Amino acid sequence: LNINKNDRENVVIQLIKANPYITYDEVSTKLNISVATTRRIFSILKKKGILVGYRKNKHDKWELKD
C-alpha cells in the first residue's frame, strides 16, 4: 500500500477496527513504513484521544473512542 502521510492515520484506524489486537509490526508491514513511524502514528492517535491501548492476556489491545 502506498498511502500519503495524511491518510495513514485513517488507514491505521481501519486496521484497528478490523483487528483490535494488531501489532506495530503488522501495521508497519501493511503500510510499508518503519515500526518507529507506526509507533508515532499510534502516539498521535492517543494524544488526539481517538485511541486507547491496554494490555490484555500478554497482548496489546487497541480501543477506538467515538
PDB file of N, CA and C in Angstrom:
ATOM      1  N   LEU A   1       0.837  -1.197   0.000  1.00  0.00           N
ATOM      2  CA  LEU A   1       0.000   0.000   0.000  1.00  0.00           C
ATOM      3  C   LEU A   1       0.871   1.246   0.000  1.00  0.00           C
ATOM      4  N   ASN A   2       0.629   2.117  -0.947  1.00  0.00           N
ATOM      5  CA  ASN A   2       1.289   3.415  -0.952  1.00  0.00           C
ATOM      6  C   ASN A   2       0.271   4.457  -0.538  1.00  0.00           C
ATOM      7  N   ILE A   3       0.445   4.980   0.654  1.00  0.00           N
ATOM      8  CA  ILE A   3      -0.515   5.896   1.247  1.00  0.00           C
ATOM      9  C   ILE A   3       0.217   7.163   1.650  1.00  0.00           C
ATOM     10  N   ASN A   4      -0.393   8.313   1.362  1.00  0.00           N
ATOM     11  CA  ASN A   4       0.273   9.544   1.770  1.00  0.00           C
ATOM     12  C   ASN A   4       0.128   9.737   3.269  1.00  0.00           C
ATOM     13  N   LYS A   5       0.955  10.614   3.804  1.00  0.00           N
ATOM     14  CA  LYS A   5       1.022  10.819   5.258  1.00  0.00           C
ATOM     15  C   LYS A   5      -0.325  11.140   5.871  1.00  0.00           C
ATOM     16  N   ASN A   6      -1.129  11.960   5.195  1.00  0.00           N
ATOM     17  CA  ASN A   6      -2.400  12.394   5.759  1.00  0.00           C
ATOM     18  C   ASN A   6      -3.401  11.262   5.905  1.00  0.00           C
ATOM     19  N   ASP A   7      -3.288  10.251   5.065  1.00  0.00           N
ATOM     20  CA  ASP A   7      -4.238   9.140   5.112  1.00  0.00           C
ATOM     21  C   ASP A   7      -3.799   8.012   6.051  1.00  0.00           C
ATOM     22  N   ARG A   8      -2.554   8.040   6.487  1.00  0.00           N
ATOM     23  CA  ARG A   8      -2.043   6.948   7.328  1.00  0.00           C
ATOM     24  C   ARG A   8      -2.854   6.765   8.598  1.00  0.00           C
ATOM     25  N   GLU A   9      -3.205   7.859   9.258  1.00  0.00           N
ATOM     26  CA  GLU A   9      -3.976   7.742  10.496  1.00  0.00           C
ATOM     27  C   GLU A   9      -5.306   7.042  10.234  1.00  0.00           C
ATOM     28  N   ASN A  10      -5.974   7.421   9.142  1.00  0.00           N
ATOM     29  CA  ASN A  10      -7.255   6.798   8.813  1.00  0.00           C
ATOM     30  C   ASN A  10      -7.102   5.313   8.499  1.00  0.00           C
ATOM     31  N   VAL A  11      -6.034   4.968   7.805  1.00  0.00           N
ATOM     32  CA  VAL A  11      -5.791   3.560   7.487  1.00  0.00           C
ATOM     33  C   VAL A  11      -5.509   2.774   8.769  1.00  0.00           C
ATOM     34  N   VAL A  12      -4.717   3.352   9.666  1.00  0.00           N
ATOM     35  CA  VAL A  12      -4.434   2.690  10.949  1.00  0.00           C
ATOM     36  C   VAL A  12      -5.738   2.475  11.719  1.00  0.00           C
ATOM     37  N   ILE A  13      -6.606   3.464  11.719  1.00  0.00           N
ATOM     38  CA  ILE A  13      -7.902   3.332  12.402  1.00  0.00           C
ATOM     39  C   ILE A  13      -8.695   2.167  11.799  1.00  0.00           C
ATOM     40  N   GLN A  14      -8.706   2.059  10.479  1.00  0.00           N
ATOM     41  CA  GLN A  14      -9.428   0.966   9.821  1.00  0.00           C
ATOM     42  C   GLN A  14      -8.813  -0.395  10.179  1.00  0.00           C
ATOM     43  N   LEU A  15      -7.480  -0.451  10.236  1.00  0.00           N
ATOM     44  CA  LEU A  15      -6.802  -1.701  10.605  1.00  0.00           C
ATOM     45  C   LEU A  15      -7.145  -2.100  12.039  1.00  0.00           C
ATOM     46  N   ILE A  16      -7.221  -1.115  12.927  1.00  0.00           N
ATOM     47  CA  ILE A  16      -7.566  -1.400  14.328  1.00  0.00           C
ATOM     48  C   ILE A  16      -9.019  -1.867  14.435  1.00  0.00           C
ATOM     49  N   LYS A  17      -9.902  -1.254  13.645  1.00  0.00           N
ATOM     50  CA  LYS A  17     -11.305  -1.699  13.637  1.00  0.00           C
ATOM     51  C   LYS A  17     -11.394  -3.161  13.206  1.00  0.00           C
ATOM     52  N   ALA A  18     -10.583  -3.531  12.230  1.00  0.00           N
ATOM     53  CA  ALA A  18     -10.595  -4.899  11.721  1.00  0.00           C
ATOM     54  C   ALA A  18      -9.956  -5.881  12.701  1.00  0.00           C
ATOM     55  N   ASN A  19      -8.952  -5.402  13.465  1.00  0.00           N
ATOM     56  CA  ASN A  19      -8.249  -6.271  14.404  1.00  0.00           C
ATOM     57  C   ASN A  19      -7.725  -5.451  15.582  1.00  0.00           C
ATOM     58  N   PRO A  20      -8.476  -5.410  16.698  1.00  0.00           N
ATOM     59  CA  PRO A  20      -8.046  -4.614  17.854  1.00  0.00           C
ATOM     60  C   PRO A  20      -6.736  -5.096  18.483  1.00  0.00           C
ATOM     61  N   TYR A  21      -6.278  -6.275  18.113  1.00  0.00           N
ATOM     62  CA  TYR A  21      -5.031  -6.826  18.666  1.00  0.00           C
ATOM     63  C   TYR A  21      -3.860  -6.673  17.697  1.00  0.00           C
ATOM     64  N   ILE A  22      -4.020  -5.869  16.669  1.00  0.00           N
ATOM     65  CA  ILE A  22      -2.965  -5.715  15.664  1.00  0.00           C
ATOM     66  C   ILE A  22      -1.691  -5.162  16.309  1.00  0.00           C
ATOM     67  N   THR A  23      -0.563  -5.632  15.831  1.00  0.00           N
ATOM     68  CA  THR A  23       0.731  -5.209  16.392  1.00  0.00           C
ATOM     69  C   THR A  23       1.346  -4.099  15.546  1.00  0.00           C
ATOM     70  N   TYR A  24       2.324  -3.422  16.142  1.00  0.00           N
ATOM     71  CA  TYR A  24       3.067  -2.403  15.395  1.00  0.00           C
ATOM     72  C   TYR A  24       3.711  -3.024  14.158  1.00  0.00           C
ATOM     73  N   ASP A  25       4.267  -4.229  14.310  1.00  0.00           N
ATOM     74  CA  ASP A  25       4.919  -4.906  13.178  1.00  0.00           C
ATOM     75  C   ASP A  25       3.942  -5.160  12.038  1.00  0.00           C
ATOM     76  N   GLU A  26       2.743  -5.618  12.377  1.00  0.00           N
ATOM     77  CA  GLU A  26       1.744  -5.895  11.345  1.00  0.00           C
ATOM     78  C   GLU A  26       1.334  -4.619  10.608  1.00  0.00           C
ATOM     79  N   VAL A  27       1.135  -3.545  11.359  1.00  0.00           N
ATOM     80  CA  VAL A  27       0.754  -2.269  10.739  1.00  0.00           C
ATOM     81  C   VAL A  27       1.883  -1.765   9.850  1.00  0.00           C
ATOM     82  N   SER A  28       3.111  -1.807  10.351  1.00  0.00           N
ATOM     83  CA  SER A  28       4.236  -1.295   9.558  1.00  0.00           C
ATOM     84  C   SER A  28       4.413  -2.101   8.272  1.00  0.00           C
ATOM     85  N   THR A  29       4.186  -3.416   8.333  1.00  0.00           N
ATOM     86  CA  THR A  29       4.288  -4.250   7.138  1.00  0.00           C
ATOM     87  C   THR A  29       3.191  -3.903   6.136  1.00  0.00           C
ATOM     88  N   LYS A  30       1.961  -3.763   6.623  1.00  0.00           N
ATOM     89  CA  LYS A  30       0.842  -3.461   5.723  1.00  0.00           C
ATOM     90  C   LYS A  30       0.979  -2.097   5.062  1.00  0.00           C
ATOM     91  N   LEU A  31       1.529  -1.122   5.791  1.00  0.00           N
ATOM     92  CA  LEU A  31       1.656   0.230   5.252  1.00  0.00           C
ATOM     93  C   LEU A  31       3.015   0.485   4.613  1.00  0.00           C
ATOM     94  N   ASN A  32       3.904  -0.499   4.721  1.00  0.00           N
ATOM     95  CA  ASN A  32       5.253  -0.367   4.175  1.00  0.00           C
ATOM     96  C   ASN A  32       5.970   0.855   4.769  1.00  0.00           C
ATOM     97  N   ILE A  33       5.887   0.969   6.098  1.00  0.00           N
ATOM     98  CA  ILE A  33       6.564   2.041   6.835  1.00  0.00           C
ATOM     99  C   ILE A  33       7.335   1.408   7.989  1.00  0.00           C
ATOM    100  N   SER A  34       8.203   2.183   8.602  1.00  0.00           N
ATOM    101  CA  SER A  34       9.004   1.642   9.703  1.00  0.00           C
ATOM    102  C   SER A  34       8.143   1.475  10.955  1.00  0.00           C
ATOM    103  N   VAL A  35       8.616   0.642  11.866  1.00  0.00           N
ATOM    104  CA  VAL A  35       7.931   0.456  13.148  1.00  0.00           C
ATOM    105  C   VAL A  35       7.947   1.770  13.929  1.00  0.00           C
ATOM    106  N   ALA A  36       9.034   2.519  13.829  1.00  0.00           N
ATOM    107  CA  ALA A  36       9.120   3.812  14.523  1.00  0.00           C
ATOM    108  C   ALA A  36       8.027   4.764  14.022  1.00  0.00           C
ATOM    109  N   THR A  37       7.809   4.799  12.725  1.00  0.00           N
ATOM    110  CA  THR A  37       6.748   5.641  12.158  1.00  0.00           C
ATOM    111  C   THR A  37       5.383   5.145  12.621  1.00  0.00           C
ATOM    112  N   THR A  38       5.216   3.845  12.675  1.00  0.00           N
ATOM    113  CA  THR A  38       3.956   3.257  13.149  1.00  0.00           C
ATOM    114  C   THR A  38       3.694   3.673  14.587  1.00  0.00           C
ATOM    115  N   ARG A  39       4.700   3.572  15.436  1.00  0.00           N
ATOM    116  CA  ARG A  39       4.547   3.977  16.841  1.00  0.00           C
ATOM    117  C   ARG A  39       4.180   5.461  16.940  1.00  0.00           C
ATOM    118  N   ARG A  40       4.778   6.267  16.069  1.00  0.00           N
ATOM    119  CA  ARG A  40       4.487   7.703  16.061  1.00  0.00           C
ATOM    120  C   ARG A  40       3.021   7.953  15.712  1.00  0.00           C
ATOM    121  N   ILE A  41       2.499   7.237  14.723  1.00  0.00           N
ATOM    122  CA  ILE A  41       1.096   7.375  14.335  1.00  0.00           C
ATOM    123  C   ILE A  41       0.185   6.968  15.493  1.00  0.00           C
ATOM    124  N   PHE A  42       0.485   5.856  16.144  1.00  0.00           N
ATOM    125  CA  PHE A  42      -0.308   5.410  17.291  1.00  0.00           C
ATOM    126  C   PHE A  42      -0.264   6.456  18.398  1.00  0.00           C
ATOM    127  N   SER A  43       0.909   7.046  18.625  1.00  0.00           N
ATOM    128  CA  SER A  43       1.068   8.073  19.649  1.00  0.00           C
ATOM    129  C   SER A  43       0.212   9.298  19.333  1.00  0.00           C
ATOM    130  N   ILE A  44       0.202   9.700  18.079  1.00  0.00           N
ATOM    131  CA  ILE A  44      -0.614  10.842  17.653  1.00  0.00           C
ATOM    132  C   ILE A  44      -2.092  10.549  17.900  1.00  0.00           C
ATOM    133  N   LEU A  45      -2.527   9.345  17.541  1.00  0.00           N
ATOM    134  CA  LEU A  45      -3.929   8.973  17.737  1.00  0.00           C
ATOM    135  C   LEU A  45      -4.291   8.946  19.224  1.00  0.00           C
ATOM    136  N   LYS A  46      -3.344   8.516  20.057  1.00  0.00           N
ATOM    137  CA  LYS A  46      -3.580   8.528  21.506  1.00  0.00           C
ATOM    138  C   LYS A  46      -3.703   9.956  22.022  1.00  0.00           C
ATOM    139  N   LYS A  47      -2.803  10.833  21.579  1.00  0.00           N
ATOM    140  CA  LYS A  47      -2.832  12.233  22.024  1.00  0.00           C
ATOM    141  C   LYS A  47      -4.107  12.935  21.598  1.00  0.00           C
ATOM    142  N   LYS A  48      -4.637  12.559  20.437  1.00  0.00           N
ATOM    143  CA  LYS A  48      -5.885  13.145  19.948  1.00  0.00           C
ATOM    144  C   LYS A  48      -7.103  12.579  20.681  1.00  0.00           C
ATOM    145  N   GLY A  49      -6.888  11.548  21.495  1.00  0.00           N
ATOM    146  CA  GLY A  49      -7.994  10.941  22.228  1.00  0.00           C
ATOM    147  C   GLY A  49      -8.814   9.968  21.405  1.00  0.00           C
ATOM    148  N   ILE A  50      -8.297   9.567  20.258  1.00  0.00           N
ATOM    149  CA  ILE A  50      -9.005   8.649  19.372  1.00  0.00           C
ATOM    150  C   ILE A  50      -8.752   7.201  19.767  1.00  0.00           C
ATOM    151  N   LEU A  51      -7.571   6.945  20.306  1.00  0.00           N
ATOM    152  CA  LEU A  51      -7.115   5.582  20.554  1.00  0.00           C
ATOM    153  C   LEU A  51      -6.677   5.394  22.000  1.00  0.00           C
ATOM    154  N   VAL A  52      -7.058   4.263  22.550  1.00  0.00           N
ATOM    155  CA  VAL A  52      -6.606   3.869  23.882  1.00  0.00           C
ATOM    156  C   VAL A  52      -6.051   2.459  23.750  1.00  0.00           C
ATOM    157  N   GLY A  53      -4.885   2.242  24.340  1.00  0.00           N
ATOM    158  CA  GLY A  53      -4.296   0.917  24.306  1.00  0.00           C
ATOM    159  C   GLY A  53      -4.130   0.376  25.701  1.00  0.00           C
ATOM    160  N   TYR A  54      -4.326  -0.923  25.855  1.00  0.00           N
ATOM    161  CA  TYR A  54      -4.085  -1.554  27.138  1.00  0.00           C
ATOM    162  C   TYR A  54      -3.671  -2.998  26.936  1.00  0.00           C
ATOM    163  N   ARG A  55      -3.131  -3.567  27.984  1.00  0.00           N
ATOM    164  CA  ARG A  55      -2.585  -4.921  27.939  1.00  0.00           C
ATOM    165  C   ARG A  55      -3.684  -5.912  28.308  1.00  0.00           C
ATOM    166  N   LYS A  56      -3.850  -6.958  27.503  1.00  0.00           N
ATOM    167  CA  LYS A  56      -4.837  -7.985  27.798  1.00  0.00           C
ATOM    168  C   LYS A  56      -4.232  -9.343  27.430  1.00  0.00           C
ATOM    169  N   ASN A  57      -4.102 -10.203  28.412  1.00  0.00           N
ATOM    170  CA  ASN A  57      -3.557 -11.553  28.176  1.00  0.00           C
ATOM    171  C   ASN A  57      -2.225 -11.518  27.422  1.00  0.00           C
ATOM    172  N   LYS A  58      -1.308 -10.698  27.900  1.00  0.00           N
ATOM    173  CA  LYS A  58       0.037 -10.573  27.329  1.00  0.00           C
ATOM    174  C   LYS A  58       0.053  -9.965  25.927  1.00  0.00           C
ATOM    175  N   HIS A  59      -1.055  -9.384  25.501  1.00  0.00           N
ATOM    176  CA  HIS A  59      -1.128  -8.757  24.181  1.00  0.00           C
ATOM    177  C   HIS A  59      -1.665  -7.346  24.339  1.00  0.00           C
ATOM    178  N   ASP A  60      -1.227  -6.461  23.446  1.00  0.00           N
ATOM    179  CA  ASP A  60      -1.793  -5.119  23.427  1.00  0.00           C
ATOM    180  C   ASP A  60      -3.144  -5.181  22.732  1.00  0.00           C
ATOM    181  N   LYS A  61      -4.113  -4.488  23.314  1.00  0.00           N
ATOM    182  CA  LYS A  61      -5.409  -4.367  22.670  1.00  0.00           C
ATOM    183  C   LYS A  61      -5.679  -2.886  22.488  1.00  0.00           C
ATOM    184  N   TRP A  62      -6.170  -2.530  21.314  1.00  0.00           N
ATOM    185  CA  TRP A  62      -6.445  -1.144  20.987  1.00  0.00           C
ATOM    186  C   TRP A  62      -7.942  -0.913  20.974  1.00  0.00           C
ATOM    187  N   GLU A  63      -8.342   0.224  21.501  1.00  0.00           N
ATOM    188  CA  GLU A  63      -9.758   0.567  21.525  1.00  0.00           C
ATOM    189  C   GLU A  63      -9.918   1.970  20.973  1.00  0.00           C
ATOM    190  N   LEU A  64     -10.848   2.115  20.037  1.00  0.00           N
ATOM    191  CA  LEU A  64     -11.114   3.425  19.430  1.00  0.00           C
ATOM    192  C   LEU A  64     -12.224   4.106  20.194  1.00  0.00           C
ATOM    193  N   LYS A  65     -12.037   5.384  20.445  1.00  0.00           N
ATOM    194  CA  LYS A  65     -13.045   6.190  21.138  1.00  0.00           C
ATOM    195  C   LYS A  65     -13.908   6.908  20.101  1.00  0.00           C
ATOM    196  N   ASP A  66     -15.141   7.131  20.434  1.00  0.00           N
ATOM    197  CA  ASP A  66     -16.056   7.824  19.487  1.00  0.00           C
ATOM    198  C   ASP A  66     -15.755   9.294  19.384  1.00  0.00           C
TER     199      ASP A  66
END
